[in-house]
Amino acid sequence: MALFVQALVIIFAAFALSRAVLRLKGGELTFNQFFFWAALWIVAIIVAVSPDLLVRASTTLGIGRGVDLALYASIIILFYLNFKLLVRLDNIEQQITTLARNIALRKK
């Protein structure tokens, strides 16, 4: 990885990690959410500092290149986050429906 790209990834990941810490302190993130994001950004920093680790991991898993492993992991993470958002959206829709029913019953 070019030195400029490594530095850029490290700076961005450190910034994102600091934002996660601030959101945890502000009560906007639960500890589990913080742990997920902290682990993600720490792994990004480690891979930026030592890209050989990604290549070794991909070889161990039988994947051709380190970039392929990063792409596969990114897709899996995106699907996981999408699933969590859909579950949260369903819960919010149920709460809104319950609230609307309660309000409608009170008005009668």
PDB file of N, CA and C in Angstrom:
ATOM      1  N   MET A   1       0.857  -1.172   0.000  1.00  0.00           N
ATOM      2  CA  MET A   1       0.000   0.000   0.000  1.00  0.00           C
ATOM      3  C   MET A   1       0.901   1.232   0.000  1.00  0.00           C
ATOM      4  N   ALA A   2       0.554   2.187  -0.794  1.00  0.00           N
ATOM      5  CA  ALA A   2       1.353   3.400  -0.859  1.00  0.00           C
ATOM      6  C   ALA A   2       1.315   4.103   0.492  1.00  0.00           C
ATOM      7  N   LEU A   3       2.391   4.762   0.811  1.00  0.00           N
ATOM      8  CA  LEU A   3       2.506   5.430   2.105  1.00  0.00           C
ATOM      9  C   LEU A   3       1.406   6.474   2.299  1.00  0.00           C
ATOM     10  N   PHE A   4       1.066   7.189   1.243  1.00  0.00           N
ATOM     11  CA  PHE A   4       0.011   8.201   1.342  1.00  0.00           C
ATOM     12  C   PHE A   4      -1.333   7.565   1.694  1.00  0.00           C
ATOM     13  N   VAL A   5      -1.658   6.462   1.025  1.00  0.00           N
ATOM     14  CA  VAL A   5      -2.928   5.776   1.285  1.00  0.00           C
ATOM     15  C   VAL A   5      -2.938   5.211   2.699  1.00  0.00           C
ATOM     16  N   GLN A   6      -1.809   4.650   3.133  1.00  0.00           N
ATOM     17  CA  GLN A   6      -1.717   4.140   4.503  1.00  0.00           C
ATOM     18  C   GLN A   6      -1.985   5.253   5.510  1.00  0.00           C
ATOM     19  N   ALA A   7      -1.345   6.390   5.307  1.00  0.00           N
ATOM     20  CA  ALA A   7      -1.531   7.517   6.223  1.00  0.00           C
ATOM     21  C   ALA A   7      -2.975   7.994   6.206  1.00  0.00           C
ATOM     22  N   LEU A   8      -3.562   8.050   5.027  1.00  0.00           N
ATOM     23  CA  LEU A   8      -4.955   8.489   4.903  1.00  0.00           C
ATOM     24  C   LEU A   8      -5.910   7.544   5.635  1.00  0.00           C
ATOM     25  N   VAL A   9      -5.710   6.243   5.472  1.00  0.00           N
ATOM     26  CA  VAL A   9      -6.558   5.255   6.153  1.00  0.00           C
ATOM     27  C   VAL A   9      -6.389   5.362   7.661  1.00  0.00           C
ATOM     28  N   ILE A  10      -5.165   5.505   8.126  1.00  0.00           N
ATOM     29  CA  ILE A  10      -4.908   5.609   9.565  1.00  0.00           C
ATOM     30  C   ILE A  10      -5.562   6.857  10.139  1.00  0.00           C
ATOM     31  N   ILE A  11      -5.415   7.979   9.460  1.00  0.00           N
ATOM     32  CA  ILE A  11      -6.014   9.231   9.945  1.00  0.00           C
ATOM     33  C   ILE A  11      -7.535   9.122   9.971  1.00  0.00           C
ATOM     34  N   PHE A  12      -8.127   8.597   8.895  1.00  0.00           N
ATOM     35  CA  PHE A  12      -9.583   8.470   8.844  1.00  0.00           C
ATOM     36  C   PHE A  12     -10.092   7.511   9.918  1.00  0.00           C
ATOM     37  N   ALA A  13      -9.429   6.360  10.063  1.00  0.00           N
ATOM     38  CA  ALA A  13      -9.868   5.373  11.051  1.00  0.00           C
ATOM     39  C   ALA A  13      -9.711   5.914  12.470  1.00  0.00           C
ATOM     40  N   ALA A  14      -8.631   6.642  12.727  1.00  0.00           N
ATOM     41  CA  ALA A  14      -8.443   7.238  14.054  1.00  0.00           C
ATOM     42  C   ALA A  14      -9.525   8.279  14.330  1.00  0.00           C
ATOM     43  N   PHE A  15      -9.867   9.063  13.326  1.00  0.00           N
ATOM     44  CA  PHE A  15     -10.943  10.045  13.486  1.00  0.00           C
ATOM     45  C   PHE A  15     -12.276   9.349  13.762  1.00  0.00           C
ATOM     46  N   ALA A  16     -12.576   8.308  12.977  1.00  0.00           N
ATOM     47  CA  ALA A  16     -13.833   7.573  13.170  1.00  0.00           C
ATOM     48  C   ALA A  16     -13.869   6.912  14.546  1.00  0.00           C
ATOM     49  N   LEU A  17     -12.745   6.392  14.988  1.00  0.00           N
ATOM     50  CA  LEU A  17     -12.669   5.784  16.320  1.00  0.00           C
ATOM     51  C   LEU A  17     -12.901   6.826  17.403  1.00  0.00           C
ATOM     52  N   SER A  18     -12.334   8.009  17.228  1.00  0.00           N
ATOM     53  CA  SER A  18     -12.548   9.073  18.217  1.00  0.00           C
ATOM     54  C   SER A  18     -14.011   9.499  18.250  1.00  0.00           C
ATOM     55  N   ARG A  19     -14.667   9.526  17.090  1.00  0.00           N
ATOM     56  CA  ARG A  19     -16.101   9.857  17.048  1.00  0.00           C
ATOM     57  C   ARG A  19     -16.924   8.790  17.759  1.00  0.00           C
ATOM     58  N   ALA A  20     -16.535   7.533  17.612  1.00  0.00           N
ATOM     59  CA  ALA A  20     -17.247   6.452  18.299  1.00  0.00           C
ATOM     60  C   ALA A  20     -17.097   6.588  19.810  1.00  0.00           C
ATOM     61  N   VAL A  21     -15.900   6.953  20.262  1.00  0.00           N
ATOM     62  CA  VAL A  21     -15.679   7.154  21.702  1.00  0.00           C
ATOM     63  C   VAL A  21     -16.552   8.297  22.206  1.00  0.00           C
ATOM     64  N   LEU A  22     -16.596   9.391  21.468  1.00  0.00           N
ATOM     65  CA  LEU A  22     -17.428  10.527  21.876  1.00  0.00           C
ATOM     66  C   LEU A  22     -18.910  10.166  21.902  1.00  0.00           C
ATOM     67  N   ARG A  23     -19.359   9.388  20.938  1.00  0.00           N
ATOM     68  CA  ARG A  23     -20.769   8.979  20.920  1.00  0.00           C
ATOM     69  C   ARG A  23     -21.076   8.021  22.065  1.00  0.00           C
ATOM     70  N   LEU A  24     -20.103   7.193  22.449  1.00  0.00           N
ATOM     71  CA  LEU A  24     -20.292   6.313  23.606  1.00  0.00           C
ATOM     72  C   LEU A  24     -20.409   7.136  24.876  1.00  0.00           C
ATOM     73  N   LYS A  25     -19.519   8.108  25.035  1.00  0.00           N
ATOM     74  CA  LYS A  25     -19.565   8.973  26.220  1.00  0.00           C
ATOM     75  C   LYS A  25     -20.841   9.802  26.261  1.00  0.00           C
ATOM     76  N   GLY A  26     -21.351  10.196  25.105  1.00  0.00           N
ATOM     77  CA  GLY A  26     -22.575  10.986  25.029  1.00  0.00           C
ATOM     78  C   GLY A  26     -23.843  10.154  25.163  1.00  0.00           C
ATOM     79  N   GLY A  27     -23.694   8.850  25.252  1.00  0.00           N
ATOM     80  CA  GLY A  27     -24.847   7.980  25.399  1.00  0.00           C
ATOM     81  C   GLY A  27     -25.566   7.667  24.102  1.00  0.00           C
ATOM     82  N   GLU A  28     -24.983   8.034  22.981  1.00  0.00           N
ATOM     83  CA  GLU A  28     -25.619   7.785  21.690  1.00  0.00           C
ATOM     84  C   GLU A  28     -25.346   6.378  21.170  1.00  0.00           C
ATOM     85  N   LEU A  29     -24.323   5.713  21.716  1.00  0.00           N
ATOM     86  CA  LEU A  29     -23.990   4.343  21.335  1.00  0.00           C
ATOM     87  C   LEU A  29     -24.033   3.457  22.570  1.00  0.00           C
ATOM     88  N   THR A  30     -24.520   2.234  22.394  1.00  0.00           N
ATOM     89  CA  THR A  30     -24.414   1.262  23.474  1.00  0.00           C
ATOM     90  C   THR A  30     -22.992   0.712  23.462  1.00  0.00           C
ATOM     91  N   PHE A  31     -22.636  -0.013  24.511  1.00  0.00           N
ATOM     92  CA  PHE A  31     -21.288  -0.568  24.555  1.00  0.00           C
ATOM     93  C   PHE A  31     -21.083  -1.572  23.423  1.00  0.00           C
ATOM     94  N   ASN A  32     -22.101  -2.383  23.127  1.00  0.00           N
ATOM     95  CA  ASN A  32     -21.970  -3.364  22.042  1.00  0.00           C
ATOM     96  C   ASN A  32     -21.771  -2.684  20.691  1.00  0.00           C
ATOM     97  N   GLN A  33     -22.503  -1.616  20.453  1.00  0.00           N
ATOM     98  CA  GLN A  33     -22.325  -0.872  19.206  1.00  0.00           C
ATOM     99  C   GLN A  33     -20.928  -0.265  19.144  1.00  0.00           C
ATOM    100  N   PHE A  34     -20.501   0.307  20.264  1.00  0.00           N
ATOM    101  CA  PHE A  34     -19.159   0.880  20.311  1.00  0.00           C
ATOM    102  C   PHE A  34     -18.101  -0.191  20.049  1.00  0.00           C
ATOM    103  N   PHE A  35     -18.267  -1.351  20.669  1.00  0.00           N
ATOM    104  CA  PHE A  35     -17.296  -2.433  20.498  1.00  0.00           C
ATOM    105  C   PHE A  35     -17.195  -2.835  19.029  1.00  0.00           C
ATOM    106  N   PHE A  36     -18.331  -2.939  18.349  1.00  0.00           N
ATOM    107  CA  PHE A  36     -18.333  -3.293  16.929  1.00  0.00           C
ATOM    108  C   PHE A  36     -17.541  -2.272  16.117  1.00  0.00           C
ATOM    109  N   TRP A  37     -17.868  -0.978  16.302  1.00  0.00           N
ATOM    110  CA  TRP A  37     -17.201   0.062  15.519  1.00  0.00           C
ATOM    111  C   TRP A  37     -15.731   0.196  15.888  1.00  0.00           C
ATOM    112  N   ALA A  38     -15.421   0.079  17.168  1.00  0.00           N
ATOM    113  CA  ALA A  38     -14.019   0.171  17.586  1.00  0.00           C
ATOM    114  C   ALA A  38     -13.212  -0.966  16.974  1.00  0.00           C
ATOM    115  N   ALA A  39     -13.754  -2.178  17.008  1.00  0.00           N
ATOM    116  CA  ALA A  39     -13.051  -3.320  16.420  1.00  0.00           C
ATOM    117  C   ALA A  39     -12.845  -3.115  14.922  1.00  0.00           C
ATOM    118  N   LEU A  40     -13.859  -2.624  14.247  1.00  0.00           N
ATOM    119  CA  LEU A  40     -13.764  -2.388  12.807  1.00  0.00           C
ATOM    120  C   LEU A  40     -12.656  -1.388  12.476  1.00  0.00           C
ATOM    121  N   TRP A  41     -12.621  -0.266  13.185  1.00  0.00           N
ATOM    122  CA  TRP A  41     -11.626   0.764  12.886  1.00  0.00           C
ATOM    123  C   TRP A  41     -10.232   0.353  13.333  1.00  0.00           C
ATOM    124  N   ILE A  42     -10.130  -0.403  14.414  1.00  0.00           N
ATOM    125  CA  ILE A  42      -8.813  -0.891  14.847  1.00  0.00           C
ATOM    126  C   ILE A  42      -8.260  -1.885  13.829  1.00  0.00           C
ATOM    127  N   VAL A  43      -9.110  -2.761  13.312  1.00  0.00           N
ATOM    128  CA  VAL A  43      -8.671  -3.695  12.267  1.00  0.00           C
ATOM    129  C   VAL A  43      -8.229  -2.919  11.026  1.00  0.00           C
ATOM    130  N   ALA A  44      -8.944  -1.870  10.665  1.00  0.00           N
ATOM    131  CA  ALA A  44      -8.552  -1.054   9.508  1.00  0.00           C
ATOM    132  C   ALA A  44      -7.172  -0.436   9.726  1.00  0.00           C
ATOM    133  N   ILE A  45      -6.915   0.043  10.931  1.00  0.00           N
ATOM    134  CA  ILE A  45      -5.597   0.621  11.234  1.00  0.00           C
ATOM    135  C   ILE A  45      -4.516  -0.445  11.160  1.00  0.00           C
ATOM    136  N   ILE A  46      -4.779  -1.620  11.731  1.00  0.00           N
ATOM    137  CA  ILE A  46      -3.787  -2.703  11.713  1.00  0.00           C
ATOM    138  C   ILE A  46      -3.480  -3.127  10.281  1.00  0.00           C
ATOM    139  N   VAL A  47      -4.513  -3.248   9.453  1.00  0.00           N
ATOM    140  CA  VAL A  47      -4.299  -3.646   8.056  1.00  0.00           C
ATOM    141  C   VAL A  47      -3.546  -2.558   7.296  1.00  0.00           C
ATOM    142  N   ALA A  48      -3.817  -1.296   7.598  1.00  0.00           N
ATOM    143  CA  ALA A  48      -3.100  -0.205   6.926  1.00  0.00           C
ATOM    144  C   ALA A  48      -1.629  -0.192   7.326  1.00  0.00           C
ATOM    145  N   VAL A  49      -1.356  -0.474   8.592  1.00  0.00           N
ATOM    146  CA  VAL A  49       0.030  -0.472   9.069  1.00  0.00           C
ATOM    147  C   VAL A  49       0.783  -1.694   8.552  1.00  0.00           C
ATOM    148  N   SER A  50       0.109  -2.848   8.546  1.00  0.00           N
ATOM    149  CA  SER A  50       0.762  -4.087   8.129  1.00  0.00           C
ATOM    150  C   SER A  50      -0.129  -4.861   7.156  1.00  0.00           C
ATOM    151  N   PRO A  51      -0.101  -4.494   5.877  1.00  0.00           N
ATOM    152  CA  PRO A  51      -0.954  -5.173   4.898  1.00  0.00           C
ATOM    153  C   PRO A  51      -0.606  -6.648   4.701  1.00  0.00           C
ATOM    154  N   ASP A  52       0.593  -7.044   5.112  1.00  0.00           N
ATOM    155  CA  ASP A  52       0.984  -8.449   4.987  1.00  0.00           C
ATOM    156  C   ASP A  52       0.093  -9.356   5.828  1.00  0.00           C
ATOM    157  N   LEU A  53      -0.439  -8.833   6.931  1.00  0.00           N
ATOM    158  CA  LEU A  53      -1.342  -9.631   7.761  1.00  0.00           C
ATOM    159  C   LEU A  53      -2.593 -10.024   6.984  1.00  0.00           C
ATOM    160  N   LEU A  54      -3.098  -9.119   6.182  1.00  0.00           N
ATOM    161  CA  LEU A  54      -4.284  -9.401   5.375  1.00  0.00           C
ATOM    162  C   LEU A  54      -3.974 -10.461   4.321  1.00  0.00           C
ATOM    163  N   VAL A  55      -2.797 -10.379   3.721  1.00  0.00           N
ATOM    164  CA  VAL A  55      -2.393 -11.364   2.714  1.00  0.00           C
ATOM    165  C   VAL A  55      -2.247 -12.736   3.358  1.00  0.00           C
ATOM    166  N   ARG A  56      -1.625 -12.789   4.540  1.00  0.00           N
ATOM    167  CA  ARG A  56      -1.470 -14.070   5.242  1.00  0.00           C
ATOM    168  C   ARG A  56      -2.822 -14.659   5.629  1.00  0.00           C
ATOM    169  N   ALA A  57      -3.712 -13.812   6.101  1.00  0.00           N
ATOM    170  CA  ALA A  57      -5.047 -14.291   6.486  1.00  0.00           C
ATOM    171  C   ALA A  57      -5.797 -14.818   5.271  1.00  0.00           C
ATOM    172  N   SER A  58      -5.691 -14.127   4.146  1.00  0.00           N
ATOM    173  CA  SER A  58      -6.392 -14.582   2.938  1.00  0.00           C
ATOM    174  C   SER A  58      -5.811 -15.900   2.440  1.00  0.00           C
ATOM    175  N   THR A  59      -4.505 -16.055   2.524  1.00  0.00           N
ATOM    176  CA  THR A  59      -3.873 -17.307   2.116  1.00  0.00           C
ATOM    177  C   THR A  59      -4.321 -18.446   3.024  1.00  0.00           C
ATOM    178  N   THR A  60      -4.395 -18.179   4.320  1.00  0.00           N
ATOM    179  CA  THR A  60      -4.837 -19.190   5.277  1.00  0.00           C
ATOM    180  C   THR A  60      -6.270 -19.623   4.996  1.00  0.00           C
ATOM    181  N   LEU A  61      -7.112 -18.685   4.604  1.00  0.00           N
ATOM    182  CA  LEU A  61      -8.515 -18.989   4.324  1.00  0.00           C
ATOM    183  C   LEU A  61      -8.739 -19.519   2.907  1.00  0.00           C
ATOM    184  N   GLY A  62      -7.679 -19.571   2.109  1.00  0.00           N
ATOM    185  CA  GLY A  62      -7.797 -20.096   0.753  1.00  0.00           C
ATOM    186  C   GLY A  62      -8.315 -19.084  -0.252  1.00  0.00           C
ATOM    187  N   ILE A  63      -8.188 -17.814   0.082  1.00  0.00           N
ATOM    188  CA  ILE A  63      -8.619 -16.739  -0.815  1.00  0.00           C
ATOM    189  C   ILE A  63      -7.369 -16.199  -1.497  1.00  0.00           C
ATOM    190  N   GLY A  64      -7.479 -15.908  -2.774  1.00  0.00           N
ATOM    191  CA  GLY A  64      -6.313 -15.545  -3.571  1.00  0.00           C
ATOM    192  C   GLY A  64      -5.532 -14.337  -3.093  1.00  0.00           C
ATOM    193  N   ARG A  65      -6.207 -13.215  -2.901  1.00  0.00           N
ATOM    194  CA  ARG A  65      -5.505 -11.981  -2.565  1.00  0.00           C
ATOM    195  C   ARG A  65      -6.085 -11.363  -1.303  1.00  0.00           C
ATOM    196  N   GLY A  66      -5.296 -10.523  -0.672  1.00  0.00           N
ATOM    197  CA  GLY A  66      -5.760  -9.825   0.522  1.00  0.00           C
ATOM    198  C   GLY A  66      -6.904  -8.879   0.225  1.00  0.00           C
ATOM    199  N   VAL A  67      -6.860  -8.258  -0.944  1.00  0.00           N
ATOM    200  CA  VAL A  67      -7.925  -7.333  -1.341  1.00  0.00           C
ATOM    201  C   VAL A  67      -9.251  -8.081  -1.469  1.00  0.00           C
ATOM    202  N   ASP A  68      -9.199  -9.310  -1.979  1.00  0.00           N
ATOM    203  CA  ASP A  68     -10.421 -10.109  -2.089  1.00  0.00           C
ATOM    204  C   ASP A  68     -11.006 -10.393  -0.712  1.00  0.00           C
ATOM    205  N   LEU A  69     -10.163 -10.723   0.243  1.00  0.00           N
ATOM    206  CA  LEU A  69     -10.632 -10.968   1.608  1.00  0.00           C
ATOM    207  C   LEU A  69     -11.268  -9.710   2.187  1.00  0.00           C
ATOM    208  N   ALA A  70     -10.642  -8.572   1.973  1.00  0.00           N
ATOM    209  CA  ALA A  70     -11.200  -7.311   2.474  1.00  0.00           C
ATOM    210  C   ALA A  70     -12.555  -7.030   1.826  1.00  0.00           C
ATOM    211  N   LEU A  71     -12.674  -7.302   0.540  1.00  0.00           N
ATOM    212  CA  LEU A  71     -13.940  -7.094  -0.160  1.00  0.00           C
ATOM    213  C   LEU A  71     -15.022  -8.028   0.367  1.00  0.00           C
ATOM    214  N   TYR A  72     -14.695  -9.300   0.543  1.00  0.00           N
ATOM    215  CA  TYR A  72     -15.671 -10.260   1.068  1.00  0.00           C
ATOM    216  C   TYR A  72     -16.109  -9.863   2.474  1.00  0.00           C
ATOM    217  N   ALA A  73     -15.151  -9.487   3.306  1.00  0.00           N
ATOM    218  CA  ALA A  73     -15.480  -9.079   4.676  1.00  0.00           C
ATOM    219  C   ALA A  73     -16.355  -7.828   4.666  1.00  0.00           C
ATOM    220  N   SER A  74     -16.063  -6.900   3.778  1.00  0.00           N
ATOM    221  CA  SER A  74     -16.869  -5.677   3.681  1.00  0.00           C
ATOM    222  C   SER A  74     -18.305  -5.986   3.282  1.00  0.00           C
ATOM    223  N   ILE A  75     -18.470  -6.884   2.341  1.00  0.00           N
ATOM    224  CA  ILE A  75     -19.823  -7.255   1.907  1.00  0.00           C
ATOM    225  C   ILE A  75     -20.581  -7.923   3.045  1.00  0.00           C
ATOM    226  N   ILE A  76     -19.921  -8.811   3.773  1.00  0.00           N
ATOM    227  CA  ILE A  76     -20.569  -9.480   4.907  1.00  0.00           C
ATOM    228  C   ILE A  76     -20.969  -8.461   5.967  1.00  0.00           C
ATOM    229  N   ILE A  77     -20.088  -7.527   6.261  1.00  0.00           N
ATOM    230  CA  ILE A  77     -20.395  -6.494   7.259  1.00  0.00           C
ATOM    231  C   ILE A  77     -21.570  -5.634   6.794  1.00  0.00           C
ATOM    232  N   LEU A  78     -21.591  -5.274   5.521  1.00  0.00           N
ATOM    233  CA  LEU A  78     -22.704  -4.471   5.005  1.00  0.00           C
ATOM    234  C   LEU A  78     -24.034  -5.221   5.081  1.00  0.00           C
ATOM    235  N   PHE A  79     -24.032  -6.515   4.771  1.00  0.00           N
ATOM    236  CA  PHE A  79     -25.258  -7.297   4.905  1.00  0.00           C
ATOM    237  C   PHE A  79     -25.708  -7.359   6.361  1.00  0.00           C
ATOM    238  N   TYR A  80     -24.760  -7.527   7.277  1.00  0.00           N
ATOM    239  CA  TYR A  80     -25.091  -7.571   8.703  1.00  0.00           C
ATOM    240  C   TYR A  80     -25.707  -6.244   9.151  1.00  0.00           C
ATOM    241  N   LEU A  81     -25.099  -5.140   8.765  1.00  0.00           N
ATOM    242  CA  LEU A  81     -25.628  -3.828   9.143  1.00  0.00           C
ATOM    243  C   LEU A  81     -26.999  -3.581   8.520  1.00  0.00           C
ATOM    244  N   ASN A  82     -27.182  -4.014   7.285  1.00  0.00           N
ATOM    245  CA  ASN A  82     -28.482  -3.881   6.634  1.00  0.00           C
ATOM    246  C   ASN A  82     -29.544  -4.686   7.384  1.00  0.00           C
ATOM    247  N   PHE A  83     -29.210  -5.887   7.798  1.00  0.00           N
ATOM    248  CA  PHE A  83     -30.138  -6.713   8.560  1.00  0.00           C
ATOM    249  C   PHE A  83     -30.515  -6.038   9.875  1.00  0.00           C
ATOM    250  N   LYS A  84     -29.518  -5.507  10.579  1.00  0.00           N
ATOM    251  CA  LYS A  84     -29.801  -4.824  11.846  1.00  0.00           C
ATOM    252  C   LYS A  84     -30.711  -3.618  11.629  1.00  0.00           C
ATOM    253  N   LEU A  85     -30.484  -2.874  10.564  1.00  0.00           N
ATOM    254  CA  LEU A  85     -31.335  -1.723  10.274  1.00  0.00           C
ATOM    255  C   LEU A  85     -32.768  -2.145   9.954  1.00  0.00           C
ATOM    256  N   LEU A  86     -32.921  -3.228   9.218  1.00  0.00           N
ATOM    257  CA  LEU A  86     -34.265  -3.704   8.897  1.00  0.00           C
ATOM    258  C   LEU A  86     -35.007  -4.166  10.148  1.00  0.00           C
ATOM    259  N   VAL A  87     -34.312  -4.840  11.056  1.00  0.00           N
ATOM    260  CA  VAL A  87     -34.935  -5.264  12.312  1.00  0.00           C
ATOM    261  C   VAL A  87     -35.352  -4.046  13.122  1.00  0.00           C
ATOM    262  N   ARG A  88     -34.471  -3.060  13.200  1.00  0.00           N
ATOM    263  CA  ARG A  88     -34.796  -1.841  13.943  1.00  0.00           C
ATOM    264  C   ARG A  88     -35.977  -1.110  13.301  1.00  0.00           C
ATOM    265  N   LEU A  89     -36.001  -1.057  11.986  1.00  0.00           N
ATOM    266  CA  LEU A  89     -37.106  -0.411  11.279  1.00  0.00           C
ATOM    267  C   LEU A  89     -38.427  -1.127  11.553  1.00  0.00           C
ATOM    268  N   ASP A  90     -38.412  -2.452  11.543  1.00  0.00           N
ATOM    269  CA  ASP A  90     -39.629  -3.208  11.859  1.00  0.00           C
ATOM    270  C   ASP A  90     -40.113  -2.907  13.272  1.00  0.00           C
ATOM    271  N   ASN A  91     -39.188  -2.832  14.223  1.00  0.00           N
ATOM    272  CA  ASN A  91     -39.568  -2.511  15.606  1.00  0.00           C
ATOM    273  C   ASN A  91     -40.180  -1.120  15.707  1.00  0.00           C
ATOM    274  N   ILE A  92     -39.600  -0.171  15.011  1.00  0.00           N
ATOM    275  CA  ILE A  92     -40.129   1.198  15.041  1.00  0.00           C
ATOM    276  C   ILE A  92     -41.517   1.240  14.407  1.00  0.00           C
ATOM    277  N   GLU A  93     -41.707   0.528  13.303  1.00  0.00           N
ATOM    278  CA  GLU A  93     -43.023   0.484  12.663  1.00  0.00           C
ATOM    279  C   GLU A  93     -44.070  -0.114  13.601  1.00  0.00           C
ATOM    280  N   GLN A  94     -43.703  -1.159  14.328  1.00  0.00           N
ATOM    281  CA  GLN A  94     -44.635  -1.764  15.283  1.00  0.00           C
ATOM    282  C   GLN A  94     -44.971  -0.791  16.407  1.00  0.00           C
ATOM    283  N   GLN A  95     -43.977  -0.071  16.894  1.00  0.00           N
ATOM    284  CA  GLN A  95     -44.216   0.903  17.959  1.00  0.00           C
ATOM    285  C   GLN A  95     -45.127   2.030  17.476  1.00  0.00           C
ATOM    286  N   ILE A  96     -44.906   2.493  16.258  1.00  0.00           N
ATOM    287  CA  ILE A  96     -45.751   3.561  15.703  1.00  0.00           C
ATOM    288  C   ILE A  96     -47.186   3.064  15.536  1.00  0.00           C
ATOM    289  N   THR A  97     -47.349   1.838  15.064  1.00  0.00           N
ATOM    290  CA  THR A  97     -48.692   1.272  14.907  1.00  0.00           C
ATOM    291  C   THR A  97     -49.403   1.178  16.251  1.00  0.00           C
ATOM    292  N   THR A  98     -48.697   0.689  17.266  1.00  0.00           N
ATOM    293  CA  THR A  98     -49.285   0.585  18.607  1.00  0.00           C
ATOM    294  C   THR A  98     -49.650   1.959  19.146  1.00  0.00           C
ATOM    295  N   LEU A  99     -48.767   2.911  18.969  1.00  0.00           N
ATOM    296  CA  LEU A  99     -49.022   4.276  19.434  1.00  0.00           C
ATOM    297  C   LEU A  99     -50.223   4.888  18.711  1.00  0.00           C
ATOM    298  N   ALA A 100     -50.293   4.711  17.409  1.00  0.00           N
ATOM    299  CA  ALA A 100     -51.415   5.257  16.634  1.00  0.00           C
ATOM    300  C   ALA A 100     -52.739   4.623  17.068  1.00  0.00           C
ATOM    301  N   ARG A 101     -52.736   3.329  17.333  1.00  0.00           N
ATOM    302  CA  ARG A 101     -53.958   2.663  17.805  1.00  0.00           C
ATOM    303  C   ARG A 101     -54.389   3.211  19.163  1.00  0.00           C
ATOM    304  N   ASN A 102     -53.419   3.369  20.066  1.00  0.00           N
ATOM    305  CA  ASN A 102     -53.741   3.896  21.398  1.00  0.00           C
ATOM    306  C   ASN A 102     -54.309   5.312  21.316  1.00  0.00           C
ATOM    307  N   ILE A 103     -53.729   6.132  20.479  1.00  0.00           N
ATOM    308  CA  ILE A 103     -54.222   7.509  20.319  1.00  0.00           C
ATOM    309  C   ILE A 103     -55.621   7.493  19.712  1.00  0.00           C
ATOM    310  N   ALA A 104     -55.847   6.638  18.724  1.00  0.00           N
ATOM    311  CA  ALA A 104     -57.164   6.562  18.085  1.00  0.00           C
ATOM    312  C   ALA A 104     -58.230   6.087  19.074  1.00  0.00           C
ATOM    313  N   LEU A 105     -57.882   5.146  19.938  1.00  0.00           N
ATOM    314  CA  LEU A 105     -58.849   4.640  20.917  1.00  0.00           C
ATOM    315  C   LEU A 105     -59.168   5.689  21.980  1.00  0.00           C
ATOM    316  N   ARG A 106     -58.214   6.512  22.335  1.00  0.00           N
ATOM    317  CA  ARG A 106     -58.437   7.563  23.339  1.00  0.00           C
ATOM    318  C   ARG A 106     -59.350   8.661  22.810  1.00  0.00           C
ATOM    319  N   LYS A 107     -59.299   8.928  21.507  1.00  0.00           N
ATOM    320  CA  LYS A 107     -60.101  10.011  20.919  1.00  0.00           C
ATOM    321  C   LYS A 107     -61.575   9.648  20.829  1.00  0.00           C
ATOM    322  N   LYS A 108     -61.901   8.371  20.877  1.00  0.00           N
ATOM    323  CA  LYS A 108     -63.310   7.965  20.746  1.00  0.00           C
ATOM    324  C   LYS A 108     -64.087   8.222  21.973  1.00  0.00           C
TER     325      LYS A 108
END
